[in-house]
C-alpha atoms as a PDB file:
ATOM      1  CA  MET A   1      -8.360-129.596  23.892  1.00  0.00           C
ATOM      2  CA  GLY A   2      -7.127-127.667  26.836  1.00  0.00           C
ATOM      3  CA  SER A   3      -4.132-126.518  24.885  1.00  0.00           C
ATOM      4  CA  THR A   4      -6.183-125.368  21.964  1.00  0.00           C
ATOM      5  CA  SER A   5      -8.536-123.445  24.194  1.00  0.00           C
ATOM      6  CA  THR A   6      -5.672-121.750  25.864  1.00  0.00           C
ATOM      7  CA  HIS A   7      -4.188-120.781  22.513  1.00  0.00           C
ATOM      8  CA  VAL A   8      -7.473-119.391  21.277  1.00  0.00           C
ATOM      9  CA  HIS A   9      -8.005-117.534  24.467  1.00  0.00           C
ATOM     10  CA  GLY A  10      -4.532-116.106  24.194  1.00  0.00           C
ATOM     11  CA  ARG A  11      -5.218-114.894  20.665  1.00  0.00           C
ATOM     12  CA  LYS A  12      -8.447-113.304  21.823  1.00  0.00           C
ATOM     13  CA  GLN A  13      -6.648-111.475  24.563  1.00  0.00           C
ATOM     14  CA  HIS A  14      -3.955-110.392  22.145  1.00  0.00           C
ATOM     15  CA  GLY A  15      -6.615-109.161  19.710  1.00  0.00           C
ATOM     16  CA  GLN A  16      -8.395-107.302  22.418  1.00  0.00           C
ATOM     17  CA  THR A  17      -5.118-105.706  23.440  1.00  0.00           C
ATOM     18  CA  LEU A  18      -4.440-104.580  19.869  1.00  0.00           C
ATOM     19  CA  THR A  19      -7.973-103.282  19.527  1.00  0.00           C
ATOM     20  CA  ALA A  20      -7.691-101.314  22.737  1.00  0.00           C
ATOM     21  CA  GLY A  21      -4.332 -99.924  21.639  1.00  0.00           C
ATOM     22  CA  ALA A  22      -5.734 -98.862  18.301  1.00  0.00           C
ATOM     23  CA  THR A  23      -8.636 -97.236  20.049  1.00  0.00           C
ATOM     24  CA  ARG A  24      -6.339 -95.321  22.335  1.00  0.00           C
ATOM     25  CA  LEU A  25      -4.201 -94.310  19.364  1.00  0.00           C
ATOM     26  CA  ARG A  26      -7.258 -92.982  17.549  1.00  0.00           C
ATOM     27  CA  LEU A  27      -8.309 -91.084  20.640  1.00  0.00           C
ATOM     28  CA  VAL A  28      -4.858 -89.558  21.054  1.00  0.00           C
ATOM     29  CA  SER A  29      -4.663 -88.696  17.369  1.00  0.00           C
ATOM     30  CA  GLY A  30      -8.089 -87.103  17.498  1.00  0.00           C
ATOM     31  CA  THR A  31      -7.120 -85.134  20.551  1.00  0.00           C
ATOM     32  CA  VAL A  32      -3.890 -83.929  18.951  1.00  0.00           C
ATOM     33  CA  LEU A  33      -5.699 -83.049  15.741  1.00  0.00           C
ATOM     34  CA  GLY A  34      -8.359 -81.198  17.652  1.00  0.00           C
ATOM     35  CA  ALA A  35      -5.681 -79.333  19.566  1.00  0.00           C
ATOM     36  CA  LEU A  36      -3.926 -78.412  16.354  1.00  0.00           C
ATOM     37  CA  VAL A  37      -7.184 -77.211  14.809  1.00  0.00           C
ATOM     38  CA  LEU A  38      -7.996 -75.215  17.923  1.00  0.00           C
ATOM     39  CA  THR A  39      -4.527 -73.691  17.967  1.00  0.00           C
ATOM     40  CA  GLY A  40      -4.856 -72.726  14.313  1.00  0.00           C
ATOM     41  CA  ALA A  41      -8.234 -71.186  14.963  1.00  0.00           C
ATOM     42  CA  LEU A  42      -6.914 -69.218  17.906  1.00  0.00           C
ATOM     43  CA  SER A  43      -3.973 -68.034  15.828  1.00  0.00           C
ATOM     44  CA  ALA A  44      -6.297 -66.947  13.051  1.00  0.00           C
ATOM     45  CA  CYS A  45      -8.506 -65.106  15.510  1.00  0.00           C
ATOM     46  CA  SER A  46      -5.480 -63.459  17.052  1.00  0.00           C
ATOM     47  CA  GLY A  47      -4.248 -62.359  13.595  1.00  0.00           C
ATOM     48  CA  SER A  48      -7.647 -61.026  12.653  1.00  0.00           C
ATOM     49  CA  HIS A  49      -7.824 -59.166  15.925  1.00  0.00           C
ATOM     50  CA  LYS A  50      -4.397 -57.618  15.339  1.00  0.00           C
ATOM     51  CA  ASN A  51      -5.306 -56.683  11.776  1.00  0.00           C
ATOM     52  CA  ALA A  52      -8.551 -55.172  12.951  1.00  0.00           C
ATOM     53  CA  ALA A  53      -6.732 -53.282  15.670  1.00  0.00           C
ATOM     54  CA  GLY A  54      -4.168 -52.078  13.162  1.00  0.00           C
ATOM     55  CA  SER A  55      -6.860 -51.008  10.759  1.00  0.00           C
ATOM     56  CA  THR A  56      -8.732 -49.289  13.547  1.00  0.00           C
ATOM     57  CA  GLY A  57      -5.538 -47.541  14.656  1.00  0.00           C
ATOM     58  CA  ALA A  58      -4.776 -46.437  11.123  1.00  0.00           C
ATOM     59  CA  THR A  59      -8.317 -45.216  10.701  1.00  0.00           C
ATOM     60  CA  THR A  60      -8.136 -43.380  14.018  1.00  0.00           C
ATOM     61  CA  ALA A  61      -4.743 -41.878  13.092  1.00  0.00           C
ATOM     62  CA  GLY A  62      -6.124 -40.871   9.700  1.00  0.00           C
ATOM     63  CA  ALA A  63      -9.116 -39.287  11.335  1.00  0.00           C
ATOM     64  CA  GLN A  64      -6.869 -37.489  13.795  1.00  0.00           C
ATOM     65  CA  SER A  65      -4.625 -36.353  10.928  1.00  0.00           C
ATOM     66  CA  SER A  66      -7.658 -35.164   8.960  1.00  0.00           C
ATOM     67  CA  SER A  67      -8.960 -33.444  12.036  1.00  0.00           C
ATOM     68  CA  SER A  68      -5.558 -31.823  12.582  1.00  0.00           C
ATOM     69  CA  THR A  69      -5.374 -30.785   8.938  1.00  0.00           C
ATOM     70  CA  GLY A  70      -8.892 -29.416   9.101  1.00  0.00           C
ATOM     71  CA  ALA A  71      -8.032 -27.537  12.254  1.00  0.00           C
ATOM     72  CA  THR A  72      -4.880 -26.172  10.647  1.00  0.00           C
ATOM     73  CA  THR A  73      -6.808 -25.146   7.543  1.00  0.00           C
ATOM     74  CA  ALA A  74      -9.526 -23.572   9.621  1.00  0.00           C
ATOM     75  CA  GLY A  75      -6.879 -21.821  11.704  1.00  0.00           C
ATOM     76  CA  ALA A  76      -5.151 -20.551   8.586  1.00  0.00           C
ATOM     77  CA  SER A  77      -8.483 -19.421   7.211  1.00  0.00           C
ATOM     78  CA  ARG A  78      -9.257 -17.616  10.422  1.00  0.00           C
ATOM     79  CA  THR A  79      -5.763 -16.112  10.450  1.00  0.00           C
ATOM     80  CA  GLY A  80      -6.151 -14.986   6.837  1.00  0.00           C
ATOM     81  CA  THR A  81      -9.545 -13.518   7.597  1.00  0.00           C
ATOM     82  CA  ALA A  82      -8.179 -11.798  10.657  1.00  0.00           C
ATOM     83  CA  SER A  83      -5.221 -10.460   8.671  1.00  0.00           C
ATOM     84  CA  ALA A  84      -7.514  -9.204   5.915  1.00  0.00           C
ATOM     85  CA  SER A  85      -9.781  -7.630   8.487  1.00  0.00           C
ATOM     86  CA  SER A  86      -6.785  -6.077  10.212  1.00  0.00           C
ATOM     87  CA  SER A  87      -5.469  -4.791   6.879  1.00  0.00           C
ATOM     88  CA  ALA A  88      -8.846  -3.362   5.951  1.00  0.00           C
ATOM     89  CA  SER A  89      -9.128  -1.840   9.376  1.00  0.00           C
ATOM     90  CA  ALA A  90      -5.679  -0.284   9.011  1.00  0.00           C
ATOM     91  CA  THR A  91      -6.692   1.151   5.653  1.00  0.00           C
ATOM     92  CA  VAL A  92      -9.694   3.034   7.001  1.00  0.00           C
ATOM     93  CA  SER A  93      -8.341   3.884  10.437  1.00  0.00           C
ATOM     94  CA  THR A  94      -8.067   7.570  11.222  1.00  0.00           C
ATOM     95  CA  ALA A  95      -6.646   9.627  14.012  1.00  0.00           C
ATOM     96  CA  PRO A  96      -8.897  10.130  17.038  1.00  0.00           C
ATOM     97  CA  GLY A  97     -11.299  12.973  16.503  1.00  0.00           C
ATOM     98  CA  THR A  98     -10.892  12.942  12.710  1.00  0.00           C
ATOM     99  CA  LYS A  99     -14.151  13.213  10.825  1.00  0.00           C
ATOM    100  CA  VAL A 100     -14.326  10.951   7.765  1.00  0.00           C
ATOM    101  CA  THR A 101     -16.475  12.183   4.891  1.00  0.00           C
ATOM    102  CA  SER A 102     -17.236  10.535   1.597  1.00  0.00           C
ATOM    103  CA  GLY A 103     -16.476  12.128  -1.752  1.00  0.00           C
ATOM    104  CA  SER A 104     -17.170  11.644  -5.425  1.00  0.00           C
ATOM    105  CA  VAL A 105     -15.143  11.827  -8.636  1.00  0.00           C
ATOM    106  CA  ASN A 106     -17.836  14.159  -9.904  1.00  0.00           C
ATOM    107  CA  GLN A 107     -17.446  16.477  -6.942  1.00  0.00           C
ATOM    108  CA  THR A 108     -15.939  19.897  -7.650  1.00  0.00           C
ATOM    109  CA  VAL A 109     -13.605  21.121  -4.938  1.00  0.00           C
ATOM    110  CA  PRO A 110     -13.622  24.903  -4.799  1.00  0.00           C
ATOM    111  CA  ALA A 111     -10.234  26.530  -5.362  1.00  0.00           C
ATOM    112  CA  LYS A 112      -8.730  28.392  -2.478  1.00  0.00           C
ATOM    113  CA  SER A 113      -9.013  32.108  -3.150  1.00  0.00           C
ATOM    114  CA  LEU A 114      -6.042  34.317  -2.343  1.00  0.00           C
ATOM    115  CA  GLU A 115      -6.385  37.619  -0.586  1.00  0.00           C
ATOM    116  CA  THR A 116      -5.459  40.569  -2.798  1.00  0.00           C
ATOM    117  CA  LYS A 117      -4.040  43.650  -1.156  1.00  0.00           C
ATOM    118  CA  SER A 118      -4.960  47.153  -2.309  1.00  0.00           C
ATOM    119  CA  ALA A 119      -2.743  48.475  -5.092  1.00  0.00           C
ATOM    120  CA  VAL A 120       0.135  50.802  -4.341  1.00  0.00           C
ATOM    121  CA  SER A 121       2.072  53.061  -6.729  1.00  0.00           C
ATOM    122  CA  LEU A 122       5.018  51.737  -8.686  1.00  0.00           C
ATOM    123  CA  SER A 123       7.320  53.777  -6.454  1.00  0.00           C
ATOM    124  CA  SER A 124       5.889  52.551  -3.135  1.00  0.00           C
ATOM    125  CA  PRO A 125       6.630  49.302  -1.234  1.00  0.00           C
ATOM    126  CA  ALA A 126       3.877  46.734  -0.794  1.00  0.00           C
ATOM    127  CA  ASN A 127       3.382  44.944   2.500  1.00  0.00           C
ATOM    128  CA  PHE A 128       2.181  41.320   2.577  1.00  0.00           C
ATOM    129  CA  GLY A 129       1.167  41.748   6.208  1.00  0.00           C
ATOM    130  CA  ASN A 130       3.382  38.921   7.472  1.00  0.00           C
ATOM    131  CA  GLY A 131       6.754  40.670   7.670  1.00  0.00           C
ATOM    132  CA  VAL A 132       7.516  40.365   3.959  1.00  0.00           C
ATOM    133  CA  THR A 133       7.639  43.457   1.745  1.00  0.00           C
ATOM    134  CA  ALA A 134       8.146  43.992  -1.972  1.00  0.00           C
ATOM    135  CA  LYS A 135       9.085  46.878  -4.224  1.00  0.00           C
ATOM    136  CA  VAL A 136       9.182  47.612  -7.969  1.00  0.00           C
ATOM    137  CA  SER A 137      12.015  49.727  -9.371  1.00  0.00           C
ATOM    138  CA  GLU A 138      13.749  50.671 -12.601  1.00  0.00           C
ATOM    139  CA  VAL A 139      10.604  50.474 -14.753  1.00  0.00           C
ATOM    140  CA  LYS A 140      11.383  51.242 -18.411  1.00  0.00           C
ATOM    141  CA  THR A 141      10.465  50.426 -21.990  1.00  0.00           C
ATOM    142  CA  ILE A 142      12.946  48.451 -24.089  1.00  0.00           C
ATOM    143  CA  THR A 143      13.008  46.699 -27.448  1.00  0.00           C
ATOM    144  CA  ALA A 144      13.046  42.987 -26.632  1.00  0.00           C
ATOM    145  CA  LYS A 145      14.286  40.261 -28.950  1.00  0.00           C
ATOM    146  CA  ALA A 146      12.175  37.120 -29.267  1.00  0.00           C
ATOM    147  CA  GLN A 147      14.069  34.105 -27.955  1.00  0.00           C
ATOM    148  CA  GLY A 148      11.418  31.715 -26.646  1.00  0.00           C
ATOM    149  CA  PRO A 149       8.453  29.871 -28.206  1.00  0.00           C
ATOM    150  CA  GLY A 150       5.597  32.220 -29.122  1.00  0.00           C
ATOM    151  CA  GLU A 151       7.585  35.367 -28.355  1.00  0.00           C
ATOM    152  CA  VAL A 152       7.475  38.404 -30.644  1.00  0.00           C
ATOM    153  CA  SER A 153      10.267  40.950 -30.868  1.00  0.00           C
ATOM    154  CA  GLY A 154       9.239  44.546 -30.155  1.00  0.00           C
ATOM    155  CA  PRO A 155       8.441  47.021 -27.368  1.00  0.00           C
ATOM    156  CA  ALA A 156       8.527  45.515 -23.860  1.00  0.00           C
ATOM    157  CA  THR A 157       8.396  46.726 -20.280  1.00  0.00           C
ATOM    158  CA  GLU A 158      11.383  45.857 -18.103  1.00  0.00           C
ATOM    159  CA  PHE A 159      11.392  46.276 -14.336  1.00  0.00           C
ATOM    160  CA  VAL A 160      13.184  45.001 -11.230  1.00  0.00           C
ATOM    161  CA  LEU A 161      11.155  43.354  -8.478  1.00  0.00           C
ATOM    162  CA  SER A 162      12.799  43.109  -5.068  1.00  0.00           C
ATOM    163  CA  MET A 163      11.518  41.628  -1.814  1.00  0.00           C
ATOM    164  CA  THR A 164      12.700  41.618   1.792  1.00  0.00           C
ATOM    165  CA  ASN A 165      12.096  38.689   4.137  1.00  0.00           C
ATOM    166  CA  GLY A 166      11.347  40.218   7.526  1.00  0.00           C
ATOM    167  CA  THR A 167      10.302  36.868   9.056  1.00  0.00           C
ATOM    168  CA  ASN A 168      12.414  34.394  11.042  1.00  0.00           C
ATOM    169  CA  LYS A 169      12.003  31.695   8.396  1.00  0.00           C
ATOM    170  CA  THR A 170      13.545  31.088   4.994  1.00  0.00           C
ATOM    171  CA  LEU A 171      11.170  31.778   2.100  1.00  0.00           C
ATOM    172  CA  ASP A 172      10.896  29.469  -0.903  1.00  0.00           C
ATOM    173  CA  LEU A 173      10.794  31.548  -4.089  1.00  0.00           C
ATOM    174  CA  SER A 174      10.131  28.669  -6.497  1.00  0.00           C
ATOM    175  CA  SER A 175       6.414  29.525  -6.643  1.00  0.00           C
ATOM    176  CA  VAL A 176       6.739  33.249  -7.402  1.00  0.00           C
ATOM    177  CA  THR A 177       4.049  34.464  -9.806  1.00  0.00           C
ATOM    178  CA  VAL A 178       4.218  37.842 -11.613  1.00  0.00           C
ATOM    179  CA  THR A 179       1.717  39.184 -14.160  1.00  0.00           C
ATOM    180  CA  VAL A 180       1.281  42.528 -15.932  1.00  0.00           C
ATOM    181  CA  LEU A 181      -1.945  44.055 -17.312  1.00  0.00           C
ATOM    182  CA  ASP A 182      -2.529  47.341 -19.113  1.00  0.00           C
ATOM    183  CA  LYS A 183      -5.363  49.813 -18.503  1.00  0.00           C
ATOM    184  CA  ALA A 184      -7.882  47.705 -20.479  1.00  0.00           C
ATOM    185  CA  GLY A 185      -6.861  44.541 -18.631  1.00  0.00           C
ATOM    186  CA  THR A 186      -4.939  43.154 -21.611  1.00  0.00           C
ATOM    187  CA  PRO A 187      -2.163  40.835 -20.405  1.00  0.00           C
ATOM    188  CA  PHE A 188       1.502  41.323 -21.295  1.00  0.00           C
ATOM    189  CA  GLN A 189       3.491  38.293 -22.458  1.00  0.00           C
ATOM    190  CA  GLN A 190       6.445  37.376 -20.272  1.00  0.00           C
ATOM    191  CA  MET A 191       9.729  36.906 -22.164  1.00  0.00           C
ATOM    192  CA  ILE A 192      12.522  34.587 -21.078  1.00  0.00           C
ATOM    193  CA  GLY A 193      15.468  36.043 -22.955  1.00  0.00           C
ATOM    194  CA  SER A 194      18.074  38.408 -21.563  1.00  0.00           C
ATOM    195  CA  PRO A 195      17.902  40.657 -19.598  1.00  0.00           C
ATOM    196  CA  SER A 196      15.124  38.597 -17.943  1.00  0.00           C
ATOM    197  CA  LYS A 197      16.221  36.924 -14.692  1.00  0.00           C
ATOM    198  CA  PRO A 198      13.201  36.149 -12.469  1.00  0.00           C
ATOM    199  CA  LEU A 199      13.304  35.556  -8.708  1.00  0.00           C
ATOM    200  CA  SER A 200      14.284  31.997  -7.751  1.00  0.00           C
ATOM    201  CA  GLY A 201      15.852  29.948  -4.982  1.00  0.00           C
ATOM    202  CA  HIS A 202      15.312  31.041  -1.367  1.00  0.00           C
ATOM    203  CA  ALA A 203      15.347  34.202   0.685  1.00  0.00           C
ATOM    204  CA  ALA A 204      16.885  33.676   4.111  1.00  0.00           C
ATOM    205  CA  ALA A 205      15.378  35.265   7.207  1.00  0.00           C
ATOM    206  CA  GLY A 206      16.207  38.986   7.220  1.00  0.00           C
ATOM    207  CA  ALA A 207      17.618  38.857   3.687  1.00  0.00           C
ATOM    208  CA  SER A 208      16.504  40.466   0.417  1.00  0.00           C
ATOM    209  CA  ALA A 209      16.225  39.081  -3.105  1.00  0.00           C
ATOM    210  CA  ARG A 210      15.644  40.673  -6.489  1.00  0.00           C
ATOM    211  CA  GLY A 211      14.712  39.641  -9.994  1.00  0.00           C
ATOM    212  CA  THR A 212      14.506  41.287 -13.402  1.00  0.00           C
ATOM    213  CA  TYR A 213      11.377  40.836 -15.508  1.00  0.00           C
ATOM    214  CA  VAL A 214      10.620  41.571 -19.165  1.00  0.00           C
ATOM    215  CA  PHE A 215       7.067  41.638 -20.548  1.00  0.00           C
ATOM    216  CA  ALA A 216       6.186  42.280 -24.190  1.00  0.00           C
ATOM    217  CA  GLN A 217       3.644  45.074 -24.511  1.00  0.00           C
ATOM    218  CA  PRO A 218       0.368  44.313 -26.332  1.00  0.00           C
ATOM    219  CA  ALA A 219      -0.215  46.121 -29.646  1.00  0.00           C
ATOM    220  CA  SER A 220      -2.936  48.353 -28.179  1.00  0.00           C
ATOM    221  CA  PHE A 221      -1.025  49.000 -24.969  1.00  0.00           C
ATOM    222  CA  LYS A 222      -2.307  51.862 -22.797  1.00  0.00           C
ATOM    223  CA  ASN A 223      -1.088  53.146 -19.426  1.00  0.00           C
ATOM    224  CA  PRO A 224      -1.394  52.679 -16.524  1.00  0.00           C
ATOM    225  CA  ILE A 225      -0.081  49.147 -15.994  1.00  0.00           C
ATOM    226  CA  THR A 226      -0.789  46.899 -13.049  1.00  0.00           C
ATOM    227  CA  ILE A 227       1.827  44.448 -11.773  1.00  0.00           C
ATOM    228  CA  SER A 228       0.653  41.624  -9.504  1.00  0.00           C
ATOM    229  CA  PHE A 229       3.103  39.678  -7.341  1.00  0.00           C
ATOM    230  CA  ASN A 230       2.677  36.572  -5.188  1.00  0.00           C
ATOM    231  CA  TYR A 231       5.285  34.148  -3.803  1.00  0.00           C
ATOM    232  CA  SER A 232       3.161  31.542  -1.963  1.00  0.00           C
ATOM    233  CA  VAL A 233      -0.384  30.183  -1.742  1.00  0.00           C
ATOM    234  CA  GLU A 234      -0.176  30.995   1.962  1.00  0.00           C
ATOM    235  CA  ALA A 235       0.500  34.676   1.267  1.00  0.00           C
ATOM    236  CA  PRO A 236      -1.694  37.396  -0.290  1.00  0.00           C
ATOM    237  CA  VAL A 237      -1.231  39.023  -3.698  1.00  0.00           C
ATOM    238  CA  VAL A 238       0.195  42.536  -3.783  1.00  0.00           C
ATOM    239  CA  LEU A 239      -0.440  45.030  -6.614  1.00  0.00           C
ATOM    240  CA  PHE A 240       1.562  47.881  -8.059  1.00  0.00           C
ATOM    241  CA  THR A 241       0.067  50.369 -10.507  1.00  0.00           C
ATOM    242  CA  GLY A 242       1.462  53.291 -12.506  1.00  0.00           C
ATOM    243  CA  ASN A 243       2.640  54.448 -15.918  1.00  0.00           C
ATOM    244  CA  ALA A 244       5.352  52.552 -17.721  1.00  0.00           C
ATOM    245  CA  GLN A 245       8.039  54.880 -19.187  1.00  0.00           C
END
């Protein structure tokens, strides 16, 4: 009996030992599992936090980029506006003291009238009043041959017109204008054929120049004739009058 009791008691102790070991094993396993779960959770949280931070950083960078782009665009817009304003300002700017007046396409600007000197005889010199003088010589009637458009062969008045530049500047003779009228005011037609050789080029200071002119006489021509001569819009018109031979 004592042996049996001891055997049973030994099995009970052995069973208790196994039970306690199993309990401890379950506790350890639960602790390890819980630690693993906690670690996983912390890792997940850490990942989410990093992702969120990354997203926030990207968003912030995007916002900064947008802000920078907007600032650049605004700056460019302001620069463009300033440039346009500067250009417009340059267009309408005037010298100090200059008075700006508006005009109209329908406005008629009066032509500048030239002073006309009193007529002198065909044999007398005319004075422009600025150091320049002119003279008509060798007036005669010839039979001219038509050579240019609209010209008619027939009686014509030929004369030589000479001028002396008494100024200290060279005169431009490209704008010389010569006309001839008869007693009734009927105009003569200028002819371009030989011996016509009008004034041209320049007259140096202190020098003289001369030109030959041929004008067809009108059918009802009557003496005296009047020759008008002008070489510049800045100079007056001089007149010569007398009978053509």
